[in-house]
Amino acid sequence: RFTLDPRLSALLARAPWHRENWASVEFNLVYRWHSLIPSHLAV
């Protein structure tokens, strides 16, 4: 189980991917999870 703790960023700070965020068009595209939603919802 992954966790977030105050020391995590210190352990990862030198990783080559630790750079300023810039969301990609692919990331936007892969999150179209419309099939999760039932056609009827309990409300």
PDB file of all heavy atoms in Angstrom:
ATOM      1  N   ARG A   1       0.849  -1.185   0.000  1.00  0.00           N
ATOM      2  CA  ARG A   1       0.000   0.000   0.000  1.00  0.00           C
ATOM      3  C   ARG A   1       0.890   1.242   0.000  1.00  0.00           C
ATOM      4  O   ARG A   1       1.715   1.447   0.906  1.00  0.00           O
ATOM      5  CB  ARG A   1      -0.914   0.024   1.225  1.00  0.00           C
ATOM      6  CG  ARG A   1      -1.640  -1.280   1.496  1.00  0.00           C
ATOM      7  CD  ARG A   1      -2.486  -1.735   0.333  1.00  0.00           C
ATOM      8  NE  ARG A   1      -3.671  -0.904   0.160  1.00  0.00           N
ATOM      9  CZ  ARG A   1      -4.472  -0.982  -0.885  1.00  0.00           C
ATOM     10  NH1 ARG A   1      -4.189  -1.838  -1.880  1.00  0.00           N
ATOM     11  NH2 ARG A   1      -5.544  -0.220  -0.977  1.00  0.00           N
ATOM     12  N   PHE A   2       0.714   2.095  -1.026  1.00  0.00           N
ATOM     13  CA  PHE A   2       1.505   3.317  -1.128  1.00  0.00           C
ATOM     14  C   PHE A   2       1.091   4.316  -0.043  1.00  0.00           C
ATOM     15  O   PHE A   2      -0.083   4.384   0.349  1.00  0.00           O
ATOM     16  CB  PHE A   2       1.327   3.950  -2.509  1.00  0.00           C
ATOM     17  CG  PHE A   2       1.875   3.106  -3.624  1.00  0.00           C
ATOM     18  CD1 PHE A   2       1.016   2.408  -4.472  1.00  0.00           C
ATOM     19  CD2 PHE A   2       3.234   2.989  -3.820  1.00  0.00           C
ATOM     20  CE1 PHE A   2       1.505   1.622  -5.499  1.00  0.00           C
ATOM     21  CE2 PHE A   2       3.744   2.202  -4.847  1.00  0.00           C
ATOM     22  CZ  PHE A   2       2.876   1.517  -5.678  1.00  0.00           C
ATOM     23  N   THR A   3       2.067   5.087   0.420  1.00  0.00           N
ATOM     24  CA  THR A   3       1.796   6.087   1.451  1.00  0.00           C
ATOM     25  C   THR A   3       2.432   7.422   1.081  1.00  0.00           C
ATOM     26  O   THR A   3       3.361   7.488   0.269  1.00  0.00           O
ATOM     27  CB  THR A   3       2.358   5.652   2.819  1.00  0.00           C
ATOM     28  OG1 THR A   3       3.778   5.426   2.704  1.00  0.00           O
ATOM     29  CG2 THR A   3       1.689   4.378   3.316  1.00  0.00           C
ATOM     30  N   LEU A   4       1.916   8.475   1.698  1.00  0.00           N
ATOM     31  CA  LEU A   4       2.495   9.811   1.557  1.00  0.00           C
ATOM     32  C   LEU A   4       2.981  10.228   2.932  1.00  0.00           C
ATOM     33  O   LEU A   4       2.209  10.287   3.883  1.00  0.00           O
ATOM     34  CB  LEU A   4       1.442  10.805   1.061  1.00  0.00           C
ATOM     35  CG  LEU A   4       1.930  12.237   0.841  1.00  0.00           C
ATOM     36  CD1 LEU A   4       2.762  12.325  -0.432  1.00  0.00           C
ATOM     37  CD2 LEU A   4       0.750  13.200   0.763  1.00  0.00           C
ATOM     38  N   ASP A   5       4.271  10.488   3.049  1.00  0.00           N
ATOM     39  CA  ASP A   5       4.792  10.964   4.334  1.00  0.00           C
ATOM     40  C   ASP A   5       5.772  12.094   4.067  1.00  0.00           C
ATOM     41  O   ASP A   5       6.235  12.289   2.933  1.00  0.00           O
ATOM     42  CB  ASP A   5       5.450   9.830   5.125  1.00  0.00           C
ATOM     43  CG  ASP A   5       6.687   9.260   4.440  1.00  0.00           C
ATOM     44  OD1 ASP A   5       7.654  10.016   4.228  1.00  0.00           O
ATOM     45  OD2 ASP A   5       6.700   8.052   4.137  1.00  0.00           O
ATOM     46  N   PRO A   6       6.109  12.884   5.101  1.00  0.00           N
ATOM     47  CA  PRO A   6       6.958  14.060   4.889  1.00  0.00           C
ATOM     48  C   PRO A   6       8.323  13.758   4.290  1.00  0.00           C
ATOM     49  O   PRO A   6       8.949  14.647   3.712  1.00  0.00           O
ATOM     50  CB  PRO A   6       7.087  14.647   6.304  1.00  0.00           C
ATOM     51  CG  PRO A   6       5.880  14.162   7.031  1.00  0.00           C
ATOM     52  CD  PRO A   6       5.610  12.801   6.472  1.00  0.00           C
ATOM     53  N   ARG A   7       8.801  12.530   4.417  1.00  0.00           N
ATOM     54  CA  ARG A   7      10.141  12.220   3.912  1.00  0.00           C
ATOM     55  C   ARG A   7      10.139  11.712   2.473  1.00  0.00           C
ATOM     56  O   ARG A   7      11.207  11.518   1.891  1.00  0.00           O
ATOM     57  CB  ARG A   7      10.803  11.166   4.813  1.00  0.00           C
ATOM     58  CG  ARG A   7      10.964  11.623   6.259  1.00  0.00           C
ATOM     59  CD  ARG A   7      11.783  10.620   7.046  1.00  0.00           C
ATOM     60  NE  ARG A   7      11.823  10.945   8.460  1.00  0.00           N
ATOM     61  CZ  ARG A   7      12.486  10.236   9.368  1.00  0.00           C
ATOM     62  NH1 ARG A   7      13.162   9.159   8.984  1.00  0.00           N
ATOM     63  NH2 ARG A   7      12.479  10.592  10.638  1.00  0.00           N
ATOM     64  N   LEU A   8       8.974  11.472   1.917  1.00  0.00           N
ATOM     65  CA  LEU A   8       8.918  10.884   0.573  1.00  0.00           C
ATOM     66  C   LEU A   8       9.565  11.775  -0.469  1.00  0.00           C
ATOM     67  O   LEU A   8      10.349  11.310  -1.306  1.00  0.00           O
ATOM     68  CB  LEU A   8       7.463  10.595   0.199  1.00  0.00           C
ATOM     69  CG  LEU A   8       7.235   9.924  -1.162  1.00  0.00           C
ATOM     70  CD1 LEU A   8       7.974   8.595  -1.247  1.00  0.00           C
ATOM     71  CD2 LEU A   8       5.750   9.722  -1.420  1.00  0.00           C
ATOM     72  N   SER A   9       9.246  13.070  -0.438  1.00  0.00           N
ATOM     73  CA  SER A   9       9.823  13.970  -1.442  1.00  0.00           C
ATOM     74  C   SER A   9      11.333  14.059  -1.324  1.00  0.00           C
ATOM     75  O   SER A   9      12.036  14.200  -2.321  1.00  0.00           O
ATOM     76  CB  SER A   9       9.197  15.364  -1.311  1.00  0.00           C
ATOM     77  OG  SER A   9       7.910  15.381  -1.857  1.00  0.00           O
ATOM     78  N   ALA A  10      11.851  13.990  -0.088  1.00  0.00           N
ATOM     79  CA  ALA A  10      13.306  14.026   0.080  1.00  0.00           C
ATOM     80  C   ALA A  10      13.955  12.809  -0.567  1.00  0.00           C
ATOM     81  O   ALA A  10      15.036  12.901  -1.171  1.00  0.00           O
ATOM     82  CB  ALA A  10      13.649  14.084   1.565  1.00  0.00           C
ATOM     83  N   LEU A  11      13.293  11.648  -0.474  1.00  0.00           N
ATOM     84  CA  LEU A  11      13.836  10.436  -1.077  1.00  0.00           C
ATOM     85  C   LEU A  11      13.773  10.473  -2.602  1.00  0.00           C
ATOM     86  O   LEU A  11      14.572   9.827  -3.281  1.00  0.00           O
ATOM     87  CB  LEU A  11      13.075   9.213  -0.559  1.00  0.00           C
ATOM     88  CG  LEU A  11      13.266   8.881   0.925  1.00  0.00           C
ATOM     89  CD1 LEU A  11      12.293   7.789   1.348  1.00  0.00           C
ATOM     90  CD2 LEU A  11      14.702   8.440   1.199  1.00  0.00           C
ATOM     91  N   LEU A  12      12.801  11.235  -3.131  1.00  0.00           N
ATOM     92  CA  LEU A  12      12.589  11.256  -4.584  1.00  0.00           C
ATOM     93  C   LEU A  12      13.105  12.528  -5.259  1.00  0.00           C
ATOM     94  O   LEU A  12      13.028  12.645  -6.477  1.00  0.00           O
ATOM     95  CB  LEU A  12      11.097  11.116  -4.885  1.00  0.00           C
ATOM     96  CG  LEU A  12      10.444   9.800  -4.444  1.00  0.00           C
ATOM     97  CD1 LEU A  12       8.929   9.873  -4.650  1.00  0.00           C
ATOM     98  CD2 LEU A  12      11.023   8.620  -5.209  1.00  0.00           C
ATOM     99  N   ALA A  13      13.611  13.473  -4.465  1.00  0.00           N
ATOM    100  CA  ALA A  13      13.933  14.802  -5.000  1.00  0.00           C
ATOM    101  C   ALA A  13      14.967  14.760  -6.120  1.00  0.00           C
ATOM    102  O   ALA A  13      14.966  15.630  -6.997  1.00  0.00           O
ATOM    103  CB  ALA A  13      14.420  15.710  -3.872  1.00  0.00           C
ATOM    104  N   ARG A  14      15.844  13.786  -6.122  1.00  0.00           N
ATOM    105  CA  ARG A  14      16.893  13.729  -7.142  1.00  0.00           C
ATOM    106  C   ARG A  14      16.499  12.876  -8.345  1.00  0.00           C
ATOM    107  O   ARG A  14      17.308  12.684  -9.254  1.00  0.00           O
ATOM    108  CB  ARG A  14      18.183  13.185  -6.528  1.00  0.00           C
ATOM    109  CG  ARG A  14      18.781  14.132  -5.475  1.00  0.00           C
ATOM    110  CD  ARG A  14      20.121  13.624  -4.981  1.00  0.00           C
ATOM    111  NE  ARG A  14      20.711  14.527  -3.990  1.00  0.00           N
ATOM    112  CZ  ARG A  14      21.879  14.324  -3.395  1.00  0.00           C
ATOM    113  NH1 ARG A  14      22.594  13.247  -3.696  1.00  0.00           N
ATOM    114  NH2 ARG A  14      22.326  15.196  -2.502  1.00  0.00           N
ATOM    115  N   ALA A  15      15.310  12.365  -8.351  1.00  0.00           N
ATOM    116  CA  ALA A  15      14.858  11.566  -9.489  1.00  0.00           C
ATOM    117  C   ALA A  15      14.783  12.446 -10.739  1.00  0.00           C
ATOM    118  O   ALA A  15      14.401  13.616 -10.655  1.00  0.00           O
ATOM    119  CB  ALA A  15      13.487  10.962  -9.196  1.00  0.00           C
ATOM    120  N   PRO A  16      15.142  11.919 -11.907  1.00  0.00           N
ATOM    121  CA  PRO A  16      15.156  12.741 -13.124  1.00  0.00           C
ATOM    122  C   PRO A  16      13.776  13.260 -13.524  1.00  0.00           C
ATOM    123  O   PRO A  16      13.672  14.249 -14.246  1.00  0.00           O
ATOM    124  CB  PRO A  16      15.722  11.790 -14.189  1.00  0.00           C
ATOM    125  CG  PRO A  16      15.484  10.420 -13.652  1.00  0.00           C
ATOM    126  CD  PRO A  16      15.591  10.541 -12.165  1.00  0.00           C
ATOM    127  N   TRP A  17      12.716  12.612 -13.056  1.00  0.00           N
ATOM    128  CA  TRP A  17      11.359  13.031 -13.406  1.00  0.00           C
ATOM    129  C   TRP A  17      10.811  14.095 -12.458  1.00  0.00           C
ATOM    130  O   TRP A  17       9.701  14.586 -12.660  1.00  0.00           O
ATOM    131  CB  TRP A  17      10.418  11.824 -13.423  1.00  0.00           C
ATOM    132  CG  TRP A  17      10.444  10.985 -12.171  1.00  0.00           C
ATOM    133  CD1 TRP A  17      11.183   9.858 -11.963  1.00  0.00           C
ATOM    134  CD2 TRP A  17       9.706  11.204 -10.963  1.00  0.00           C
ATOM    135  NE1 TRP A  17      10.956   9.354 -10.704  1.00  0.00           N
ATOM    136  CE2 TRP A  17      10.043  10.167 -10.072  1.00  0.00           C
ATOM    137  CE3 TRP A  17       8.796  12.178 -10.544  1.00  0.00           C
ATOM    138  CZ2 TRP A  17       9.510  10.064  -8.786  1.00  0.00           C
ATOM    139  CZ3 TRP A  17       8.254  12.089  -9.269  1.00  0.00           C
ATOM    140  CH2 TRP A  17       8.607  11.038  -8.404  1.00  0.00           C
ATOM    141  N   HIS A  18      11.572  14.433 -11.425  1.00  0.00           N
ATOM    142  CA  HIS A  18      11.077  15.382 -10.418  1.00  0.00           C
ATOM    143  C   HIS A  18      11.207  16.807 -10.961  1.00  0.00           C
ATOM    144  O   HIS A  18      12.097  17.566 -10.596  1.00  0.00           O
ATOM    145  CB  HIS A  18      11.855  15.221  -9.113  1.00  0.00           C
ATOM    146  CG  HIS A  18      11.082  15.635  -7.896  1.00  0.00           C
ATOM    147  ND1 HIS A  18      10.924  16.939  -7.533  1.00  0.00           N
ATOM    148  CD2 HIS A  18      10.393  14.902  -6.991  1.00  0.00           C
ATOM    149  CE1 HIS A  18      10.195  17.009  -6.433  1.00  0.00           C
ATOM    150  NE2 HIS A  18       9.858  15.779  -6.082  1.00  0.00           N
ATOM    151  N   ARG A  19      10.286  17.156 -11.854  1.00  0.00           N
ATOM    152  CA  ARG A  19      10.289  18.451 -12.517  1.00  0.00           C
ATOM    153  C   ARG A  19       8.909  19.078 -12.468  1.00  0.00           C
ATOM    154  O   ARG A  19       7.933  18.426 -12.075  1.00  0.00           O
ATOM    155  CB  ARG A  19      10.750  18.312 -13.969  1.00  0.00           C
ATOM    156  CG  ARG A  19      12.198  17.844 -14.107  1.00  0.00           C
ATOM    157  CD  ARG A  19      12.639  17.881 -15.540  1.00  0.00           C
ATOM    158  NE  ARG A  19      14.027  17.481 -15.676  1.00  0.00           N
ATOM    159  CZ  ARG A  19      15.038  18.328 -15.859  1.00  0.00           C
ATOM    160  NH1 ARG A  19      14.804  19.637 -15.920  1.00  0.00           N
ATOM    161  NH2 ARG A  19      16.264  17.885 -16.007  1.00  0.00           N
ATOM    162  N   GLU A  20       8.830  20.327 -12.885  1.00  0.00           N
ATOM    163  CA  GLU A  20       7.565  21.050 -12.817  1.00  0.00           C
ATOM    164  C   GLU A  20       6.499  20.333 -13.644  1.00  0.00           C
ATOM    165  O   GLU A  20       6.757  19.814 -14.712  1.00  0.00           O
ATOM    166  CB  GLU A  20       7.748  22.480 -13.335  1.00  0.00           C
ATOM    167  CG  GLU A  20       6.527  23.357 -13.120  1.00  0.00           C
ATOM    168  CD  GLU A  20       6.778  24.795 -13.521  1.00  0.00           C
ATOM    169  OE1 GLU A  20       7.814  25.074 -14.181  1.00  0.00           O
ATOM    170  OE2 GLU A  20       5.955  25.659 -13.181  1.00  0.00           O
ATOM    171  N   ASN A  21       5.284  20.347 -13.118  1.00  0.00           N
ATOM    172  CA  ASN A  21       4.175  19.653 -13.782  1.00  0.00           C
ATOM    173  C   ASN A  21       3.836  20.264 -15.136  1.00  0.00           C
ATOM    174  O   ASN A  21       3.910  21.474 -15.331  1.00  0.00           O
ATOM    175  CB  ASN A  21       2.924  19.713 -12.906  1.00  0.00           C
ATOM    176  CG  ASN A  21       2.985  18.769 -11.733  1.00  0.00           C
ATOM    177  OD1 ASN A  21       4.014  18.146 -11.472  1.00  0.00           O
ATOM    178  ND2 ASN A  21       1.900  18.651 -11.012  1.00  0.00           N
ATOM    179  N   TRP A  22       3.441  19.380 -16.028  1.00  0.00           N
ATOM    180  CA  TRP A  22       2.869  19.793 -17.307  1.00  0.00           C
ATOM    181  C   TRP A  22       2.030  18.618 -17.794  1.00  0.00           C
ATOM    182  O   TRP A  22       2.558  17.610 -18.260  1.00  0.00           O
ATOM    183  CB  TRP A  22       3.969  20.130 -18.317  1.00  0.00           C
ATOM    184  CG  TRP A  22       3.473  20.851 -19.538  1.00  0.00           C
ATOM    185  CD1 TRP A  22       2.224  20.782 -20.089  1.00  0.00           C
ATOM    186  CD2 TRP A  22       4.211  21.754 -20.370  1.00  0.00           C
ATOM    187  NE1 TRP A  22       2.136  21.578 -21.204  1.00  0.00           N
ATOM    188  CE2 TRP A  22       3.353  22.196 -21.396  1.00  0.00           C
ATOM    189  CE3 TRP A  22       5.514  22.225 -20.350  1.00  0.00           C
ATOM    190  CZ2 TRP A  22       3.757  23.073 -22.389  1.00  0.00           C
ATOM    191  CZ3 TRP A  22       5.926  23.098 -21.331  1.00  0.00           C
ATOM    192  CH2 TRP A  22       5.056  23.536 -22.342  1.00  0.00           C
ATOM    193  N   ALA A  23       0.725  18.718 -17.661  1.00  0.00           N
ATOM    194  CA  ALA A  23      -0.159  17.623 -18.037  1.00  0.00           C
ATOM    195  C   ALA A  23      -0.114  17.392 -19.544  1.00  0.00           C
ATOM    196  O   ALA A  23      -0.099  18.341 -20.329  1.00  0.00           O
ATOM    197  CB  ALA A  23      -1.592  17.905 -17.589  1.00  0.00           C
ATOM    198  N   SER A  24      -0.104  16.139 -19.933  1.00  0.00           N
ATOM    199  CA  SER A  24      -0.004  15.788 -21.349  1.00  0.00           C
ATOM    200  C   SER A  24      -1.382  15.539 -21.943  1.00  0.00           C
ATOM    201  O   SER A  24      -2.347  15.223 -21.241  1.00  0.00           O
ATOM    202  CB  SER A  24       0.857  14.531 -21.520  1.00  0.00           C
ATOM    203  OG  SER A  24       0.187  13.403 -20.982  1.00  0.00           O
ATOM    204  N   VAL A  25      -1.445  15.652 -23.250  1.00  0.00           N
ATOM    205  CA  VAL A  25      -2.694  15.368 -23.949  1.00  0.00           C
ATOM    206  C   VAL A  25      -3.062  13.893 -23.801  1.00  0.00           C
ATOM    207  O   VAL A  25      -4.243  13.531 -23.707  1.00  0.00           O
ATOM    208  CB  VAL A  25      -2.591  15.778 -25.432  1.00  0.00           C
ATOM    209  CG1 VAL A  25      -1.550  14.954 -26.178  1.00  0.00           C
ATOM    210  CG2 VAL A  25      -3.943  15.677 -26.110  1.00  0.00           C
ATOM    211  N   GLU A  26      -2.049  13.029 -23.722  1.00  0.00           N
ATOM    212  CA  GLU A  26      -2.331  11.608 -23.532  1.00  0.00           C
ATOM    213  C   GLU A  26      -2.931  11.339 -22.152  1.00  0.00           C
ATOM    214  O   GLU A  26      -3.845  10.521 -22.012  1.00  0.00           O
ATOM    215  CB  GLU A  26      -1.055  10.776 -23.710  1.00  0.00           C
ATOM    216  CG  GLU A  26      -0.493  10.790 -25.110  1.00  0.00           C
ATOM    217  CD  GLU A  26       0.556  11.890 -25.327  1.00  0.00           C
ATOM    218  OE1 GLU A  26       0.644  12.797 -24.460  1.00  0.00           O
ATOM    219  OE2 GLU A  26       1.271  11.835 -26.339  1.00  0.00           O
ATOM    220  N   PHE A  27      -2.412  12.005 -21.138  1.00  0.00           N
ATOM    221  CA  PHE A  27      -2.942  11.843 -19.781  1.00  0.00           C
ATOM    222  C   PHE A  27      -4.404  12.262 -19.737  1.00  0.00           C
ATOM    223  O   PHE A  27      -5.242  11.616 -19.095  1.00  0.00           O
ATOM    224  CB  PHE A  27      -2.103  12.677 -18.815  1.00  0.00           C
ATOM    225  CG  PHE A  27      -2.301  12.345 -17.360  1.00  0.00           C
ATOM    226  CD1 PHE A  27      -2.669  11.078 -16.949  1.00  0.00           C
ATOM    227  CD2 PHE A  27      -2.086  13.311 -16.390  1.00  0.00           C
ATOM    228  CE1 PHE A  27      -2.830  10.775 -15.600  1.00  0.00           C
ATOM    229  CE2 PHE A  27      -2.246  13.026 -15.045  1.00  0.00           C
ATOM    230  CZ  PHE A  27      -2.619  11.754 -14.642  1.00  0.00           C
ATOM    231  N   ASN A  28      -4.724  13.330 -20.436  1.00  0.00           N
ATOM    232  CA  ASN A  28      -6.110  13.795 -20.501  1.00  0.00           C
ATOM    233  C   ASN A  28      -6.981  12.745 -21.191  1.00  0.00           C
ATOM    234  O   ASN A  28      -8.090  12.428 -20.743  1.00  0.00           O
ATOM    235  CB  ASN A  28      -6.167  15.117 -21.268  1.00  0.00           C
ATOM    236  CG  ASN A  28      -7.468  15.858 -21.067  1.00  0.00           C
ATOM    237  OD1 ASN A  28      -8.510  15.258 -20.844  1.00  0.00           O
ATOM    238  ND2 ASN A  28      -7.421  17.175 -21.159  1.00  0.00           N
ATOM    239  N   LEU A  29      -6.458  12.165 -22.239  1.00  0.00           N
ATOM    240  CA  LEU A  29      -7.239  11.220 -23.038  1.00  0.00           C
ATOM    241  C   LEU A  29      -7.504   9.919 -22.286  1.00  0.00           C
ATOM    242  O   LEU A  29      -8.605   9.355 -22.368  1.00  0.00           O
ATOM    243  CB  LEU A  29      -6.504  10.931 -24.344  1.00  0.00           C
ATOM    244  CG  LEU A  29      -7.309  10.294 -25.475  1.00  0.00           C
ATOM    245  CD1 LEU A  29      -8.324  11.283 -26.019  1.00  0.00           C
ATOM    246  CD2 LEU A  29      -6.370   9.840 -26.593  1.00  0.00           C
ATOM    247  N   VAL A  30      -6.515   9.423 -21.549  1.00  0.00           N
ATOM    248  CA  VAL A  30      -6.679   8.113 -20.909  1.00  0.00           C
ATOM    249  C   VAL A  30      -7.627   8.160 -19.719  1.00  0.00           C
ATOM    250  O   VAL A  30      -8.017   7.107 -19.199  1.00  0.00           O
ATOM    251  CB  VAL A  30      -5.321   7.525 -20.455  1.00  0.00           C
ATOM    252  CG1 VAL A  30      -4.371   7.414 -21.620  1.00  0.00           C
ATOM    253  CG2 VAL A  30      -4.706   8.327 -19.322  1.00  0.00           C
ATOM    254  N   TYR A  31      -8.029   9.350 -19.303  1.00  0.00           N
ATOM    255  CA  TYR A  31      -8.911   9.460 -18.140  1.00  0.00           C
ATOM    256  C   TYR A  31     -10.383   9.587 -18.534  1.00  0.00           C
ATOM    257  O   TYR A  31     -11.194  10.025 -17.724  1.00  0.00           O
ATOM    258  CB  TYR A  31      -8.505  10.648 -17.279  1.00  0.00           C
ATOM    259  CG  TYR A  31      -7.858  10.238 -15.975  1.00  0.00           C
ATOM    260  CD1 TYR A  31      -6.556  10.604 -15.668  1.00  0.00           C
ATOM    261  CD2 TYR A  31      -8.561   9.481 -15.045  1.00  0.00           C
ATOM    262  CE1 TYR A  31      -5.965  10.231 -14.461  1.00  0.00           C
ATOM    263  CE2 TYR A  31      -7.984   9.103 -13.850  1.00  0.00           C
ATOM    264  CZ  TYR A  31      -6.685   9.479 -13.560  1.00  0.00           C
ATOM    265  OH  TYR A  31      -6.117   9.098 -12.363  1.00  0.00           O
ATOM    266  N   ARG A  32     -10.753   9.191 -19.724  1.00  0.00           N
ATOM    267  CA  ARG A  32     -12.163   9.227 -20.122  1.00  0.00           C
ATOM    268  C   ARG A  32     -12.837   7.921 -19.671  1.00  0.00           C
ATOM    269  O   ARG A  32     -13.143   7.043 -20.472  1.00  0.00           O
ATOM    270  CB  ARG A  32     -12.281   9.431 -21.638  1.00  0.00           C
ATOM    271  CG  ARG A  32     -11.416  10.564 -22.203  1.00  0.00           C
ATOM    272  CD  ARG A  32     -11.859  11.925 -21.717  1.00  0.00           C
ATOM    273  NE  ARG A  32     -10.889  12.963 -22.054  1.00  0.00           N
ATOM    274  CZ  ARG A  32     -10.917  13.690 -23.160  1.00  0.00           C
ATOM    275  NH1 ARG A  32     -11.860  13.481 -24.063  1.00  0.00           N
ATOM    276  NH2 ARG A  32     -10.016  14.640 -23.371  1.00  0.00           N
ATOM    277  N   TRP A  33     -13.059   7.804 -18.367  1.00  0.00           N
ATOM    278  CA  TRP A  33     -13.559   6.555 -17.799  1.00  0.00           C
ATOM    279  C   TRP A  33     -15.083   6.574 -17.703  1.00  0.00           C
ATOM    280  O   TRP A  33     -15.679   6.309 -16.656  1.00  0.00           O
ATOM    281  CB  TRP A  33     -12.954   6.345 -16.413  1.00  0.00           C
ATOM    282  CG  TRP A  33     -11.471   6.153 -16.425  1.00  0.00           C
ATOM    283  CD1 TRP A  33     -10.662   6.032 -17.506  1.00  0.00           C
ATOM    284  CD2 TRP A  33     -10.614   6.067 -15.278  1.00  0.00           C
ATOM    285  NE1 TRP A  33      -9.357   5.873 -17.121  1.00  0.00           N
ATOM    286  CE2 TRP A  33      -9.292   5.890 -15.756  1.00  0.00           C
ATOM    287  CE3 TRP A  33     -10.834   6.120 -13.908  1.00  0.00           C
ATOM    288  CZ2 TRP A  33      -8.211   5.765 -14.903  1.00  0.00           C
ATOM    289  CZ3 TRP A  33      -9.751   5.989 -13.051  1.00  0.00           C
ATOM    290  CH2 TRP A  33      -8.450   5.811 -13.538  1.00  0.00           C
ATOM    291  N   HIS A  34     -15.739   6.865 -18.819  1.00  0.00           N
ATOM    292  CA  HIS A  34     -17.191   7.000 -18.801  1.00  0.00           C
ATOM    293  C   HIS A  34     -17.905   5.693 -18.485  1.00  0.00           C
ATOM    294  O   HIS A  34     -19.029   5.695 -17.977  1.00  0.00           O
ATOM    295  CB  HIS A  34     -17.669   7.512 -20.172  1.00  0.00           C
ATOM    296  CG  HIS A  34     -16.948   8.747 -20.619  1.00  0.00           C
ATOM    297  ND1 HIS A  34     -16.388   8.871 -21.869  1.00  0.00           N
ATOM    298  CD2 HIS A  34     -16.668   9.901 -19.970  1.00  0.00           C
ATOM    299  CE1 HIS A  34     -15.805  10.047 -21.984  1.00  0.00           C
ATOM    300  NE2 HIS A  34     -15.953  10.688 -20.845  1.00  0.00           N
ATOM    301  N   SER A  35     -17.256   4.568 -18.778  1.00  0.00           N
ATOM    302  CA  SER A  35     -17.915   3.283 -18.535  1.00  0.00           C
ATOM    303  C   SER A  35     -18.078   2.975 -17.050  1.00  0.00           C
ATOM    304  O   SER A  35     -18.819   2.061 -16.681  1.00  0.00           O
ATOM    305  CB  SER A  35     -17.150   2.146 -19.222  1.00  0.00           C
ATOM    306  OG  SER A  35     -15.793   2.128 -18.820  1.00  0.00           O
ATOM    307  N   LEU A  36     -17.405   3.735 -16.185  1.00  0.00           N
ATOM    308  CA  LEU A  36     -17.595   3.546 -14.744  1.00  0.00           C
ATOM    309  C   LEU A  36     -19.008   3.915 -14.304  1.00  0.00           C
ATOM    310  O   LEU A  36     -19.523   3.390 -13.310  1.00  0.00           O
ATOM    311  CB  LEU A  36     -16.606   4.422 -13.959  1.00  0.00           C
ATOM    312  CG  LEU A  36     -15.156   3.969 -13.853  1.00  0.00           C
ATOM    313  CD1 LEU A  36     -14.326   5.079 -13.206  1.00  0.00           C
ATOM    314  CD2 LEU A  36     -15.038   2.692 -13.027  1.00  0.00           C
ATOM    315  N   ILE A  37     -19.658   4.845 -15.015  1.00  0.00           N
ATOM    316  CA  ILE A  37     -20.923   5.405 -14.566  1.00  0.00           C
ATOM    317  C   ILE A  37     -22.095   4.530 -14.997  1.00  0.00           C
ATOM    318  O   ILE A  37     -22.314   4.311 -16.192  1.00  0.00           O
ATOM    319  CB  ILE A  37     -21.117   6.832 -15.120  1.00  0.00           C
ATOM    320  CG1 ILE A  37     -19.954   7.737 -14.699  1.00  0.00           C
ATOM    321  CG2 ILE A  37     -22.435   7.425 -14.644  1.00  0.00           C
ATOM    322  CD1 ILE A  37     -19.872   7.996 -13.218  1.00  0.00           C
ATOM    323  N   PRO A  38     -22.884   4.025 -14.035  1.00  0.00           N
ATOM    324  CA  PRO A  38     -24.088   3.269 -14.402  1.00  0.00           C
ATOM    325  C   PRO A  38     -25.097   4.159 -15.119  1.00  0.00           C
ATOM    326  O   PRO A  38     -25.081   5.389 -14.980  1.00  0.00           O
ATOM    327  CB  PRO A  38     -24.637   2.801 -13.048  1.00  0.00           C
ATOM    328  CG  PRO A  38     -23.482   2.906 -12.095  1.00  0.00           C
ATOM    329  CD  PRO A  38     -22.664   4.058 -12.584  1.00  0.00           C
ATOM    330  N   SER A  39     -25.971   3.535 -15.874  1.00  0.00           N
ATOM    331  CA  SER A  39     -27.008   4.298 -16.583  1.00  0.00           C
ATOM    332  C   SER A  39     -28.063   4.835 -15.626  1.00  0.00           C
ATOM    333  O   SER A  39     -28.778   5.784 -15.945  1.00  0.00           O
ATOM    334  CB  SER A  39     -27.662   3.422 -17.654  1.00  0.00           C
ATOM    335  OG  SER A  39     -26.707   3.049 -18.633  1.00  0.00           O
ATOM    336  N   HIS A  40     -28.187   4.212 -14.441  1.00  0.00           N
ATOM    337  CA  HIS A  40     -29.067   4.704 -13.384  1.00  0.00           C
ATOM    338  C   HIS A  40     -28.269   4.791 -12.093  1.00  0.00           C
ATOM    339  O   HIS A  40     -27.431   3.925 -11.814  1.00  0.00           O
ATOM    340  CB  HIS A  40     -30.270   3.776 -13.188  1.00  0.00           C
ATOM    341  CG  HIS A  40     -31.280   3.869 -14.293  1.00  0.00           C
ATOM    342  ND1 HIS A  40     -31.089   3.271 -15.518  1.00  0.00           N
ATOM    343  CD2 HIS A  40     -32.490   4.497 -14.357  1.00  0.00           C
ATOM    344  CE1 HIS A  40     -32.131   3.513 -16.301  1.00  0.00           C
ATOM    345  NE2 HIS A  40     -32.998   4.251 -15.626  1.00  0.00           N
ATOM    346  N   LEU A  41     -28.527   5.825 -11.317  1.00  0.00           N
ATOM    347  CA  LEU A  41     -27.766   6.070 -10.094  1.00  0.00           C
ATOM    348  C   LEU A  41     -28.689   6.136  -8.890  1.00  0.00           C
ATOM    349  O   LEU A  41     -29.794   6.697  -8.964  1.00  0.00           O
ATOM    350  CB  LEU A  41     -26.970   7.370 -10.218  1.00  0.00           C
ATOM    351  CG  LEU A  41     -25.838   7.336 -11.257  1.00  0.00           C
ATOM    352  CD1 LEU A  41     -25.434   8.738 -11.672  1.00  0.00           C
ATOM    353  CD2 LEU A  41     -24.639   6.588 -10.696  1.00  0.00           C
ATOM    354  N   ALA A  42     -28.217   5.580  -7.772  1.00  0.00           N
ATOM    355  CA  ALA A  42     -28.962   5.636  -6.529  1.00  0.00           C
ATOM    356  C   ALA A  42     -28.738   7.001  -5.878  1.00  0.00           C
ATOM    357  O   ALA A  42     -27.608   7.354  -5.544  1.00  0.00           O
ATOM    358  CB  ALA A  42     -28.505   4.526  -5.583  1.00  0.00           C
ATOM    359  N   VAL A  43     -29.808   7.763  -5.726  1.00  0.00           N
ATOM    360  CA  VAL A  43     -29.715   9.110  -5.170  1.00  0.00           C
ATOM    361  C   VAL A  43     -30.897   9.337  -4.225  1.00  0.00           C
ATOM    362  O   VAL A  43     -32.047   9.374  -4.668  1.00  0.00           O
ATOM    363  CB  VAL A  43     -29.728  10.200  -6.267  1.00  0.00           C
ATOM    364  CG1 VAL A  43     -29.663  11.585  -5.634  1.00  0.00           C
ATOM    365  CG2 VAL A  43     -28.578  10.006  -7.245  1.00  0.00           C
TER     366      VAL A  43
END
